[in-house]
N, C-alpha and C. Protein backbone atom coordinates (compact mmCIF):
# COMPACT_ATOMS: atom_id res chain seq x y z
N MET A 1 -146.06 240.75 69.76
CA MET A 1 -145.87 239.37 69.43
C MET A 1 -145.54 239.24 67.95
N ASN A 2 -144.63 238.35 67.62
CA ASN A 2 -144.23 238.14 66.22
C ASN A 2 -145.28 237.33 65.48
N SER A 3 -145.41 237.62 64.20
CA SER A 3 -146.30 236.84 63.34
C SER A 3 -145.64 235.50 63.04
N PRO A 4 -146.45 234.47 62.82
CA PRO A 4 -145.85 233.18 62.47
C PRO A 4 -145.16 233.27 61.11
N ALA A 5 -144.12 232.49 60.95
CA ALA A 5 -143.40 232.47 59.67
C ALA A 5 -144.30 231.89 58.60
N PRO A 6 -144.21 232.42 57.36
CA PRO A 6 -145.03 231.87 56.28
C PRO A 6 -144.63 230.43 56.00
N ASN A 7 -145.61 229.65 55.58
CA ASN A 7 -145.36 228.26 55.24
C ASN A 7 -144.65 228.19 53.89
N PRO A 8 -143.41 227.70 53.84
CA PRO A 8 -142.69 227.67 52.56
C PRO A 8 -143.27 226.68 51.57
N LEU A 9 -144.14 225.78 52.02
CA LEU A 9 -144.73 224.80 51.13
C LEU A 9 -146.08 225.25 50.57
N ALA A 10 -146.58 226.37 51.05
CA ALA A 10 -147.87 226.87 50.56
C ALA A 10 -147.74 227.32 49.11
N LEU A 11 -148.78 227.07 48.32
CA LEU A 11 -148.76 227.50 46.93
C LEU A 11 -148.86 229.01 46.86
N PRO A 12 -148.03 229.64 46.03
CA PRO A 12 -148.11 231.09 45.91
C PRO A 12 -149.39 231.53 45.21
N THR A 13 -149.79 232.74 45.49
CA THR A 13 -150.93 233.32 44.79
C THR A 13 -150.40 233.98 43.52
N PRO A 14 -151.28 234.23 42.56
CA PRO A 14 -150.80 234.89 41.35
C PRO A 14 -150.13 236.22 41.68
N ASN A 15 -149.13 236.55 40.91
CA ASN A 15 -148.37 237.76 41.13
C ASN A 15 -149.00 238.84 40.30
N PRO A 16 -149.10 240.04 40.72
CA PRO A 16 -150.33 240.79 40.80
C PRO A 16 -151.43 240.18 39.95
N PRO A 17 -152.66 240.55 40.22
CA PRO A 17 -153.77 239.95 39.48
C PRO A 17 -153.52 240.02 37.98
N GLY A 18 -153.90 238.98 37.33
CA GLY A 18 -153.71 238.90 35.88
C GLY A 18 -152.84 237.71 35.54
N GLY A 19 -152.49 237.61 34.30
CA GLY A 19 -151.71 236.47 33.83
C GLY A 19 -152.65 235.42 33.28
N ALA A 20 -152.12 234.60 32.42
CA ALA A 20 -152.92 233.53 31.81
C ALA A 20 -153.15 232.41 32.82
N SER A 21 -154.23 231.71 32.65
CA SER A 21 -154.58 230.57 33.50
C SER A 21 -153.76 229.36 33.09
N ALA A 22 -153.15 228.69 34.05
CA ALA A 22 -152.40 227.47 33.77
C ALA A 22 -153.30 226.40 33.18
N LYS A 23 -154.54 226.30 33.67
CA LYS A 23 -155.48 225.31 33.14
C LYS A 23 -155.80 225.60 31.68
N ALA A 24 -156.00 226.86 31.35
CA ALA A 24 -156.30 227.21 29.97
C ALA A 24 -155.09 226.96 29.06
N LEU A 25 -153.90 227.21 29.56
CA LEU A 25 -152.70 226.94 28.78
C LEU A 25 -152.53 225.44 28.56
N LEU A 26 -152.76 224.63 29.60
CA LEU A 26 -152.68 223.18 29.45
C LEU A 26 -153.68 222.71 28.39
N GLN A 27 -154.89 223.24 28.41
CA GLN A 27 -155.89 222.86 27.41
C GLN A 27 -155.44 223.28 26.01
N ALA A 28 -154.84 224.45 25.88
CA ALA A 28 -154.35 224.91 24.58
C ALA A 28 -153.24 223.98 24.06
N LEU A 29 -152.39 223.50 24.96
CA LEU A 29 -151.34 222.56 24.55
C LEU A 29 -151.95 221.23 24.10
N ARG A 30 -152.93 220.75 24.85
CA ARG A 30 -153.61 219.50 24.45
C ARG A 30 -154.26 219.66 23.07
N THR A 31 -154.98 220.75 22.89
CA THR A 31 -155.67 221.00 21.63
C THR A 31 -154.70 221.08 20.46
N ALA A 32 -153.52 221.64 20.71
CA ALA A 32 -152.50 221.76 19.66
C ALA A 32 -151.82 220.43 19.37
N GLY A 33 -152.06 219.42 20.20
CA GLY A 33 -151.51 218.10 19.94
C GLY A 33 -150.22 217.77 20.68
N ALA A 34 -149.85 218.58 21.67
CA ALA A 34 -148.62 218.29 22.42
C ALA A 34 -148.75 216.95 23.14
N THR A 35 -147.70 216.14 23.04
CA THR A 35 -147.68 214.84 23.71
C THR A 35 -146.78 214.85 24.94
N HIS A 36 -145.78 215.71 24.93
CA HIS A 36 -144.79 215.79 26.01
C HIS A 36 -144.42 217.25 26.26
N VAL A 37 -144.14 217.57 27.51
CA VAL A 37 -143.51 218.84 27.85
C VAL A 37 -142.19 218.49 28.52
N VAL A 38 -141.09 218.90 27.90
CA VAL A 38 -139.76 218.64 28.42
C VAL A 38 -139.26 219.94 29.04
N THR A 39 -138.80 219.87 30.28
CA THR A 39 -138.56 221.11 30.99
C THR A 39 -137.41 221.06 31.98
N VAL A 40 -136.84 222.21 32.16
CA VAL A 40 -136.08 222.56 33.36
C VAL A 40 -137.04 223.53 34.06
N PRO A 41 -137.48 223.22 35.28
CA PRO A 41 -138.55 224.01 35.90
C PRO A 41 -138.35 225.52 35.85
N ASP A 42 -139.47 226.21 35.66
CA ASP A 42 -139.51 227.66 35.51
C ASP A 42 -140.51 228.23 36.51
N MET A 43 -140.09 229.18 37.32
CA MET A 43 -140.97 229.79 38.33
C MET A 43 -142.18 230.49 37.71
N VAL A 44 -142.00 231.13 36.57
CA VAL A 44 -143.09 231.86 35.94
C VAL A 44 -144.22 230.90 35.56
N GLN A 45 -143.87 229.66 35.24
CA GLN A 45 -144.85 228.68 34.79
C GLN A 45 -145.07 227.57 35.83
N LEU A 46 -144.81 227.89 37.09
CA LEU A 46 -144.91 226.90 38.16
C LEU A 46 -146.31 226.28 38.24
N ALA A 47 -147.34 227.06 38.03
CA ALA A 47 -148.71 226.53 38.08
C ALA A 47 -148.94 225.49 36.98
N LEU A 48 -148.31 225.67 35.82
CA LEU A 48 -148.43 224.68 34.74
C LEU A 48 -147.68 223.41 35.12
N HIS A 49 -146.50 223.55 35.72
CA HIS A 49 -145.76 222.36 36.20
C HIS A 49 -146.64 221.54 37.13
N ASP A 50 -147.32 222.21 38.04
CA ASP A 50 -148.18 221.51 39.00
C ASP A 50 -149.26 220.71 38.28
N LEU A 51 -149.88 221.29 37.28
CA LEU A 51 -150.91 220.58 36.53
C LEU A 51 -150.34 219.42 35.71
N LEU A 52 -149.17 219.63 35.12
CA LEU A 52 -148.54 218.57 34.32
C LEU A 52 -148.17 217.36 35.17
N ASP A 53 -147.93 217.57 36.45
CA ASP A 53 -147.58 216.47 37.35
C ASP A 53 -148.79 215.67 37.81
N GLN A 54 -149.99 216.11 37.46
CA GLN A 54 -151.21 215.39 37.85
C GLN A 54 -151.43 214.20 36.91
N PRO A 55 -151.95 213.09 37.43
CA PRO A 55 -152.13 211.90 36.60
C PRO A 55 -153.05 212.10 35.39
N ASP A 56 -153.97 213.05 35.46
CA ASP A 56 -154.91 213.27 34.36
C ASP A 56 -154.49 214.41 33.43
N ALA A 57 -153.22 214.80 33.46
CA ALA A 57 -152.75 215.93 32.65
C ALA A 57 -152.96 215.70 31.15
N GLY A 58 -152.79 214.47 30.71
CA GLY A 58 -152.96 214.19 29.29
C GLY A 58 -151.73 214.49 28.46
N ILE A 59 -150.68 214.98 29.08
CA ILE A 59 -149.41 215.27 28.43
C ILE A 59 -148.32 214.76 29.35
N ARG A 60 -147.34 214.04 28.81
CA ARG A 60 -146.25 213.53 29.63
C ARG A 60 -145.31 214.67 30.01
N HIS A 61 -144.89 214.70 31.26
CA HIS A 61 -144.02 215.74 31.80
C HIS A 61 -142.64 215.14 32.01
N VAL A 62 -141.65 215.62 31.30
CA VAL A 62 -140.30 215.08 31.35
C VAL A 62 -139.36 216.16 31.89
N TYR A 63 -138.70 215.87 33.01
CA TYR A 63 -137.75 216.82 33.59
C TYR A 63 -136.36 216.59 33.02
N ALA A 64 -135.65 217.67 32.77
CA ALA A 64 -134.27 217.61 32.28
C ALA A 64 -133.35 218.33 33.26
N CYS A 65 -132.07 218.00 33.19
CA CYS A 65 -131.07 218.62 34.08
C CYS A 65 -130.59 219.97 33.58
N SER A 66 -130.67 220.19 32.28
CA SER A 66 -130.23 221.46 31.70
C SER A 66 -131.10 221.76 30.49
N GLU A 67 -131.04 222.98 30.04
CA GLU A 67 -131.82 223.39 28.88
C GLU A 67 -131.34 222.68 27.62
N ASP A 68 -130.03 222.47 27.49
CA ASP A 68 -129.51 221.73 26.34
C ASP A 68 -130.09 220.31 26.33
N GLN A 69 -130.13 219.68 27.50
CA GLN A 69 -130.70 218.34 27.59
C GLN A 69 -132.20 218.37 27.25
N ALA A 70 -132.92 219.37 27.73
CA ALA A 70 -134.35 219.47 27.41
C ALA A 70 -134.56 219.54 25.90
N LEU A 71 -133.75 220.32 25.24
CA LEU A 71 -133.87 220.49 23.79
C LEU A 71 -133.51 219.21 23.04
N THR A 72 -132.46 218.52 23.46
CA THR A 72 -132.07 217.29 22.77
C THR A 72 -133.04 216.15 23.07
N VAL A 73 -133.58 216.08 24.28
CA VAL A 73 -134.61 215.08 24.58
C VAL A 73 -135.85 215.35 23.73
N ALA A 74 -136.27 216.60 23.63
CA ALA A 74 -137.42 216.95 22.80
C ALA A 74 -137.16 216.59 21.34
N THR A 75 -135.94 216.80 20.87
CA THR A 75 -135.60 216.43 19.50
C THR A 75 -135.73 214.92 19.31
N GLY A 76 -135.24 214.14 20.27
CA GLY A 76 -135.38 212.69 20.20
C GLY A 76 -136.83 212.25 20.21
N LEU A 77 -137.64 212.90 21.02
CA LEU A 77 -139.07 212.58 21.04
C LEU A 77 -139.71 212.88 19.69
N PHE A 78 -139.34 213.99 19.08
CA PHE A 78 -139.85 214.33 17.75
C PHE A 78 -139.46 213.27 16.73
N VAL A 79 -138.19 212.87 16.74
CA VAL A 79 -137.71 211.85 15.81
C VAL A 79 -138.50 210.55 16.01
N GLY A 80 -138.89 210.27 17.27
CA GLY A 80 -139.67 209.08 17.57
C GLY A 80 -141.16 209.21 17.31
N GLY A 81 -141.61 210.35 16.78
CA GLY A 81 -143.01 210.52 16.40
C GLY A 81 -143.86 211.32 17.36
N ALA A 82 -143.29 211.84 18.43
CA ALA A 82 -144.04 212.62 19.41
C ALA A 82 -144.11 214.09 18.99
N THR A 83 -144.93 214.85 19.71
CA THR A 83 -145.04 216.29 19.51
C THR A 83 -144.70 216.97 20.83
N PRO A 84 -143.40 217.16 21.08
CA PRO A 84 -142.98 217.75 22.36
C PRO A 84 -142.98 219.27 22.34
N VAL A 85 -143.01 219.82 23.55
CA VAL A 85 -142.86 221.24 23.81
C VAL A 85 -141.67 221.37 24.77
N VAL A 86 -140.89 222.43 24.62
CA VAL A 86 -139.79 222.70 25.55
C VAL A 86 -140.21 223.88 26.42
N LEU A 87 -140.20 223.68 27.74
CA LEU A 87 -140.62 224.71 28.69
C LEU A 87 -139.40 225.11 29.52
N VAL A 88 -138.98 226.38 29.39
CA VAL A 88 -137.82 226.91 30.10
C VAL A 88 -138.09 228.36 30.48
N GLN A 89 -137.20 228.92 31.26
CA GLN A 89 -137.29 230.36 31.50
C GLN A 89 -136.27 231.06 30.61
N ASN A 90 -136.38 232.37 30.54
CA ASN A 90 -135.55 233.15 29.63
C ASN A 90 -134.05 232.90 29.82
N GLN A 91 -133.58 232.84 31.05
CA GLN A 91 -132.15 232.63 31.29
C GLN A 91 -131.68 231.31 30.67
N GLY A 92 -132.48 230.27 30.81
CA GLY A 92 -132.13 228.97 30.26
C GLY A 92 -132.18 228.95 28.75
N PHE A 93 -133.11 229.70 28.17
CA PHE A 93 -133.18 229.76 26.71
C PHE A 93 -131.90 230.36 26.17
N TYR A 94 -131.40 231.42 26.82
CA TYR A 94 -130.14 232.02 26.38
C TYR A 94 -129.02 230.97 26.41
N LYS A 95 -129.05 230.12 27.41
CA LYS A 95 -127.99 229.13 27.60
C LYS A 95 -127.94 228.10 26.48
N CYS A 96 -129.06 227.75 25.88
CA CYS A 96 -129.09 226.64 24.91
C CYS A 96 -129.10 227.10 23.45
N LEU A 97 -128.57 228.27 23.17
CA LEU A 97 -128.64 228.79 21.79
C LEU A 97 -127.92 227.93 20.78
N ASN A 98 -126.76 227.37 21.11
CA ASN A 98 -126.06 226.55 20.13
C ASN A 98 -126.85 225.28 19.82
N THR A 99 -127.45 224.68 20.84
CA THR A 99 -128.27 223.49 20.61
C THR A 99 -129.51 223.86 19.79
N LEU A 100 -130.10 225.01 20.06
CA LEU A 100 -131.23 225.50 19.26
C LEU A 100 -130.82 225.66 17.80
N ARG A 101 -129.65 226.26 17.58
CA ARG A 101 -129.18 226.44 16.21
C ARG A 101 -129.05 225.09 15.50
N ALA A 102 -128.46 224.12 16.19
CA ALA A 102 -128.22 222.81 15.57
C ALA A 102 -129.52 222.07 15.28
N THR A 103 -130.49 222.15 16.18
CA THR A 103 -131.70 221.35 16.03
C THR A 103 -132.78 222.06 15.21
N CYS A 104 -133.24 223.17 15.68
CA CYS A 104 -134.38 223.84 15.04
C CYS A 104 -133.99 224.60 13.77
N ILE A 105 -132.83 225.20 13.76
CA ILE A 105 -132.45 226.02 12.60
C ILE A 105 -131.79 225.16 11.53
N ASP A 106 -130.71 224.45 11.88
CA ASP A 106 -129.98 223.67 10.88
C ASP A 106 -130.67 222.36 10.52
N ALA A 107 -131.19 221.63 11.50
CA ALA A 107 -131.79 220.32 11.23
C ALA A 107 -133.29 220.40 10.94
N GLY A 108 -133.91 221.55 11.16
CA GLY A 108 -135.33 221.72 10.84
C GLY A 108 -136.28 220.97 11.74
N VAL A 109 -135.94 220.86 13.02
CA VAL A 109 -136.82 220.19 13.97
C VAL A 109 -137.88 221.19 14.44
N PRO A 110 -139.16 220.89 14.23
CA PRO A 110 -140.22 221.83 14.62
C PRO A 110 -140.54 221.70 16.11
N LEU A 111 -140.10 222.65 16.89
CA LEU A 111 -140.36 222.64 18.33
C LEU A 111 -140.97 223.96 18.77
N VAL A 112 -141.91 223.86 19.69
CA VAL A 112 -142.49 225.04 20.31
C VAL A 112 -141.86 225.18 21.69
N PHE A 113 -141.43 226.39 22.00
CA PHE A 113 -140.84 226.71 23.29
C PHE A 113 -141.82 227.57 24.09
N LEU A 114 -142.04 227.22 25.34
CA LEU A 114 -142.74 228.09 26.28
C LEU A 114 -141.63 228.71 27.13
N ILE A 115 -141.45 230.02 26.98
CA ILE A 115 -140.33 230.71 27.64
C ILE A 115 -140.89 231.68 28.67
N GLY A 116 -140.66 231.38 29.94
CA GLY A 116 -141.10 232.27 31.01
C GLY A 116 -140.20 233.48 31.12
N GLN A 117 -140.79 234.65 31.15
CA GLN A 117 -140.03 235.89 31.26
C GLN A 117 -139.72 236.17 32.74
N PHE A 118 -138.87 235.32 33.31
CA PHE A 118 -138.46 235.43 34.70
C PHE A 118 -137.76 236.77 34.93
N GLY A 119 -138.10 237.43 36.02
CA GLY A 119 -137.46 238.69 36.38
C GLY A 119 -138.18 239.92 35.87
N ARG A 120 -139.25 239.72 35.12
CA ARG A 120 -139.98 240.90 34.62
C ARG A 120 -140.63 241.62 35.79
N GLU A 121 -140.38 242.89 35.87
CA GLU A 121 -140.89 243.69 36.98
C GLU A 121 -142.35 244.08 36.74
N ALA A 122 -143.13 244.11 37.82
CA ALA A 122 -144.56 244.43 37.73
C ALA A 122 -144.78 245.79 37.07
N GLU A 123 -143.87 246.72 37.26
CA GLU A 123 -144.01 248.06 36.67
C GLU A 123 -143.97 248.00 35.15
N ASN A 124 -143.46 246.91 34.57
CA ASN A 124 -143.37 246.77 33.13
C ASN A 124 -144.64 246.16 32.53
N PHE A 125 -145.54 245.59 33.37
CA PHE A 125 -146.78 245.02 32.84
C PHE A 125 -147.55 246.14 32.14
N GLY A 126 -148.12 245.82 31.00
CA GLY A 126 -148.85 246.81 30.22
C GLY A 126 -147.94 247.56 29.25
N HIS A 127 -146.66 247.27 29.28
CA HIS A 127 -145.69 247.88 28.37
C HIS A 127 -144.95 246.77 27.62
N SER A 128 -144.25 247.13 26.59
CA SER A 128 -143.45 246.16 25.86
C SER A 128 -142.35 245.61 26.75
N THR A 129 -142.08 244.32 26.65
CA THR A 129 -140.97 243.75 27.43
C THR A 129 -139.64 244.34 26.98
N LYS A 130 -139.60 244.91 25.79
CA LYS A 130 -138.37 245.57 25.31
C LYS A 130 -138.05 246.81 26.13
N GLU A 131 -139.02 247.27 26.94
CA GLU A 131 -138.81 248.44 27.80
C GLU A 131 -138.46 248.04 29.23
N SER A 132 -138.31 246.74 29.49
CA SER A 132 -137.98 246.28 30.84
C SER A 132 -136.60 246.79 31.24
N SER A 133 -136.44 247.03 32.53
CA SER A 133 -135.12 247.44 33.04
C SER A 133 -134.17 246.26 33.19
N ARG A 134 -134.68 245.05 33.02
CA ARG A 134 -133.88 243.84 33.21
C ARG A 134 -133.48 243.27 31.85
N SER A 135 -132.19 243.13 31.64
CA SER A 135 -131.69 242.70 30.33
C SER A 135 -132.21 241.34 29.92
N MET A 136 -132.36 240.40 30.86
CA MET A 136 -132.81 239.06 30.46
C MET A 136 -134.24 239.08 29.92
N VAL A 137 -135.01 240.07 30.31
CA VAL A 137 -136.37 240.24 29.78
C VAL A 137 -136.32 241.07 28.50
N ARG A 138 -135.63 242.19 28.57
CA ARG A 138 -135.59 243.17 27.48
C ARG A 138 -134.99 242.61 26.19
N LEU A 139 -134.02 241.71 26.29
CA LEU A 139 -133.31 241.23 25.11
C LEU A 139 -133.94 240.02 24.43
N MET A 140 -134.96 239.42 25.04
CA MET A 140 -135.52 238.18 24.49
C MET A 140 -136.12 238.38 23.10
N GLU A 141 -137.01 239.33 22.94
CA GLU A 141 -137.65 239.52 21.63
C GLU A 141 -136.64 239.90 20.55
N PRO A 142 -135.71 240.83 20.81
CA PRO A 142 -134.70 241.12 19.79
C PRO A 142 -133.84 239.89 19.43
N LEU A 143 -133.54 239.05 20.42
CA LEU A 143 -132.78 237.83 20.14
C LEU A 143 -133.58 236.91 19.21
N LEU A 144 -134.86 236.69 19.53
CA LEU A 144 -135.68 235.84 18.69
C LEU A 144 -135.79 236.41 17.27
N ASP A 145 -135.90 237.73 17.16
CA ASP A 145 -135.91 238.37 15.83
C ASP A 145 -134.61 238.07 15.09
N THR A 146 -133.48 238.18 15.77
CA THR A 146 -132.18 237.92 15.16
C THR A 146 -132.08 236.49 14.67
N LEU A 147 -132.63 235.55 15.45
CA LEU A 147 -132.60 234.14 15.07
C LEU A 147 -133.61 233.81 13.97
N GLY A 148 -134.48 234.75 13.65
CA GLY A 148 -135.54 234.50 12.69
C GLY A 148 -136.60 233.56 13.24
N MET A 149 -136.78 233.58 14.55
CA MET A 149 -137.71 232.68 15.23
C MET A 149 -138.97 233.45 15.61
N ARG A 150 -140.11 233.04 15.06
CA ARG A 150 -141.38 233.70 15.37
C ARG A 150 -141.75 233.46 16.82
N TYR A 151 -142.45 234.44 17.38
CA TYR A 151 -142.88 234.32 18.77
C TYR A 151 -144.22 235.01 18.96
N TRP A 152 -144.91 234.56 20.00
CA TRP A 152 -146.19 235.10 20.41
C TRP A 152 -146.10 235.41 21.89
N ASN A 153 -146.64 236.54 22.31
CA ASN A 153 -146.64 236.92 23.73
C ASN A 153 -147.90 236.41 24.40
N LEU A 154 -147.73 235.86 25.60
CA LEU A 154 -148.85 235.36 26.39
C LEU A 154 -148.88 236.14 27.70
N GLY A 155 -149.78 237.11 27.76
CA GLY A 155 -149.92 237.92 28.97
C GLY A 155 -151.16 237.55 29.77
N ASP A 156 -152.20 237.08 29.06
CA ASP A 156 -153.44 236.66 29.73
C ASP A 156 -154.17 235.68 28.81
N ASP A 157 -155.32 235.21 29.24
CA ASP A 157 -156.04 234.18 28.49
C ASP A 157 -156.43 234.64 27.07
N ALA A 158 -156.58 235.92 26.85
CA ALA A 158 -156.94 236.41 25.52
C ALA A 158 -155.84 236.13 24.50
N ASP A 159 -154.63 235.86 24.96
CA ASP A 159 -153.50 235.61 24.07
C ASP A 159 -153.27 234.13 23.77
N LEU A 160 -154.11 233.24 24.32
CA LEU A 160 -153.87 231.81 24.19
C LEU A 160 -153.94 231.29 22.75
N GLY A 161 -154.56 232.03 21.85
CA GLY A 161 -154.58 231.63 20.44
C GLY A 161 -153.18 231.53 19.85
N GLY A 162 -152.24 232.23 20.45
CA GLY A 162 -150.86 232.17 19.99
C GLY A 162 -150.23 230.80 20.13
N VAL A 163 -150.75 229.98 21.04
CA VAL A 163 -150.20 228.62 21.22
C VAL A 163 -150.45 227.81 19.94
N ALA A 164 -151.67 227.78 19.45
CA ALA A 164 -151.98 227.04 18.22
C ALA A 164 -151.21 227.62 17.04
N GLN A 165 -151.08 228.94 16.99
CA GLN A 165 -150.34 229.58 15.89
C GLN A 165 -148.86 229.19 15.93
N ALA A 166 -148.30 229.09 17.13
CA ALA A 166 -146.89 228.70 17.26
C ALA A 166 -146.69 227.26 16.76
N PHE A 167 -147.59 226.36 17.13
CA PHE A 167 -147.50 224.97 16.65
C PHE A 167 -147.61 224.92 15.13
N GLU A 168 -148.60 225.62 14.59
CA GLU A 168 -148.81 225.60 13.13
C GLU A 168 -147.57 226.14 12.43
N HIS A 169 -147.01 227.22 12.94
CA HIS A 169 -145.83 227.82 12.31
C HIS A 169 -144.63 226.88 12.39
N ALA A 170 -144.37 226.31 13.56
CA ALA A 170 -143.22 225.42 13.73
C ALA A 170 -143.29 224.24 12.77
N TRP A 171 -144.47 223.62 12.65
CA TRP A 171 -144.61 222.46 11.79
C TRP A 171 -144.57 222.84 10.32
N ARG A 172 -145.19 223.97 9.97
CA ARG A 172 -145.21 224.38 8.56
C ARG A 172 -143.82 224.76 8.06
N THR A 173 -143.04 225.43 8.91
CA THR A 173 -141.72 225.93 8.49
C THR A 173 -140.58 225.01 8.91
N ARG A 174 -140.90 223.95 9.66
CA ARG A 174 -139.87 223.04 10.19
C ARG A 174 -138.78 223.83 10.91
N SER A 175 -139.23 224.56 11.94
CA SER A 175 -138.32 225.39 12.73
C SER A 175 -138.89 225.54 14.13
N GLY A 176 -138.19 226.29 14.94
CA GLY A 176 -138.68 226.58 16.28
C GLY A 176 -139.65 227.75 16.27
N ALA A 177 -140.50 227.80 17.27
CA ALA A 177 -141.41 228.92 17.50
C ALA A 177 -141.52 229.08 19.01
N ALA A 178 -141.77 230.28 19.46
CA ALA A 178 -141.79 230.54 20.91
C ALA A 178 -143.07 231.21 21.34
N VAL A 179 -143.52 230.82 22.53
CA VAL A 179 -144.59 231.52 23.23
C VAL A 179 -143.92 232.11 24.46
N LEU A 180 -143.88 233.43 24.52
CA LEU A 180 -143.25 234.12 25.65
C LEU A 180 -144.29 234.33 26.74
N VAL A 181 -144.11 233.65 27.84
CA VAL A 181 -145.03 233.77 28.98
C VAL A 181 -144.59 235.00 29.75
N ASP A 182 -145.29 236.10 29.50
CA ASP A 182 -144.84 237.42 29.94
C ASP A 182 -145.09 237.71 31.42
N ARG A 183 -145.91 236.90 32.09
CA ARG A 183 -146.13 237.10 33.52
C ARG A 183 -146.52 235.77 34.14
N TYR A 184 -146.46 235.70 35.44
CA TYR A 184 -146.73 234.44 36.13
C TYR A 184 -148.09 233.90 35.74
N LEU A 185 -148.14 232.58 35.46
CA LEU A 185 -149.41 231.92 35.21
C LEU A 185 -150.21 231.88 36.50
N THR A 186 -151.52 231.95 36.36
CA THR A 186 -152.37 231.88 37.54
C THR A 186 -152.67 230.43 37.88
N TRP A 187 -153.07 230.19 39.11
CA TRP A 187 -153.32 228.84 39.62
C TRP A 187 -154.74 228.38 39.37
N ASN A 188 -155.46 229.02 38.46
CA ASN A 188 -156.82 228.58 38.16
C ASN A 188 -156.96 228.20 36.72
């Protein structure tokens, strides 16, 4: 007899054990003063999206159609006095480089990016993402270095201090800063 088909609406379990807690990341964003998260949805950070959509999230969740739009909406929110965060996956970050150059580098808009390392293979956990077999993962840190953009890696809850450091750096230097979400966030 065949097994029943999996329910496509069921929430996924964390991909192998480990990864930072979405709840702890949401709290770190609140503590850092984030008022909005502007995003093109990212699978790596799906658990955070779920929490941001809850009425008691404490941070406004704004969906965008493209990464360029997410970045320009976040820039407008900053100009209006808000403290936005841009949440995208690595592929989308690559796509919006010219907008990043115009806003964070040339105009000095302080934005924190949460960048999901989509496509990172489980065999690479515990190693540098620069050793990944997938170019979209492997090239992210060297690209950020080239742009002169500081970044912090988030692999588990012990790394959550990087969120506050990214905010402090972005505001102090009037530039972008990135938190690289190196593995799927957990649903707890």
